[in-house]
């Protein structure tokens, strides 16, 4: 669109500039909804988001990239609270409250509790640090996540939740389309 915005026809150039402005408004409110799923695709991850946002925004990409990182961390923190290990951490903390003051294993219980709470960060960091999966024509992302559940249980839980929401949205869109088509006939 940059080429068209400098078109010699002033009407076309003005129209393209207006379209660019509207696109930027749309992008500002929606880029996170595009970036997070890309990070969850093991063929691309965060590095692809970094590459594209930097390519598109230049130096202005840095605050957007920070927002993407912070959003990822917040989402994983939320989902780690729902993960199966979390119930163990809660049980441990309730045991700590009821433990005797002279319990020589208090420090161990606290250590385990902290380790469980920080596990989601370690899991996220490990996923992001791992190499991307080579891009192939018939890559099955659902099977990849199933196969990698043991390594990334919190991420898989988030991915499954998002996938179910997407599936439901697609079904609702199809149903609306069928109703519109049915009503139009």
Foldseek 3Di string as FASTA:
>chain_A
DVVQLPDPPPVSVVVVVVVVVVVVVVCVVCVLVVQVVQLLQLQGHLPNVVVVLCVVPPPVSVVVSVVNVVVVVVLLLVLLCVDPVNVVLVVLVVVLVVDDPPDPCSVVSVVVSVCSSCVSVVLSVVSRPDHGDHDDDDDDRLVVCVVCCVSRVSSSVVVVVVVVVVVVVVVVVVVVVVVVVVVVD
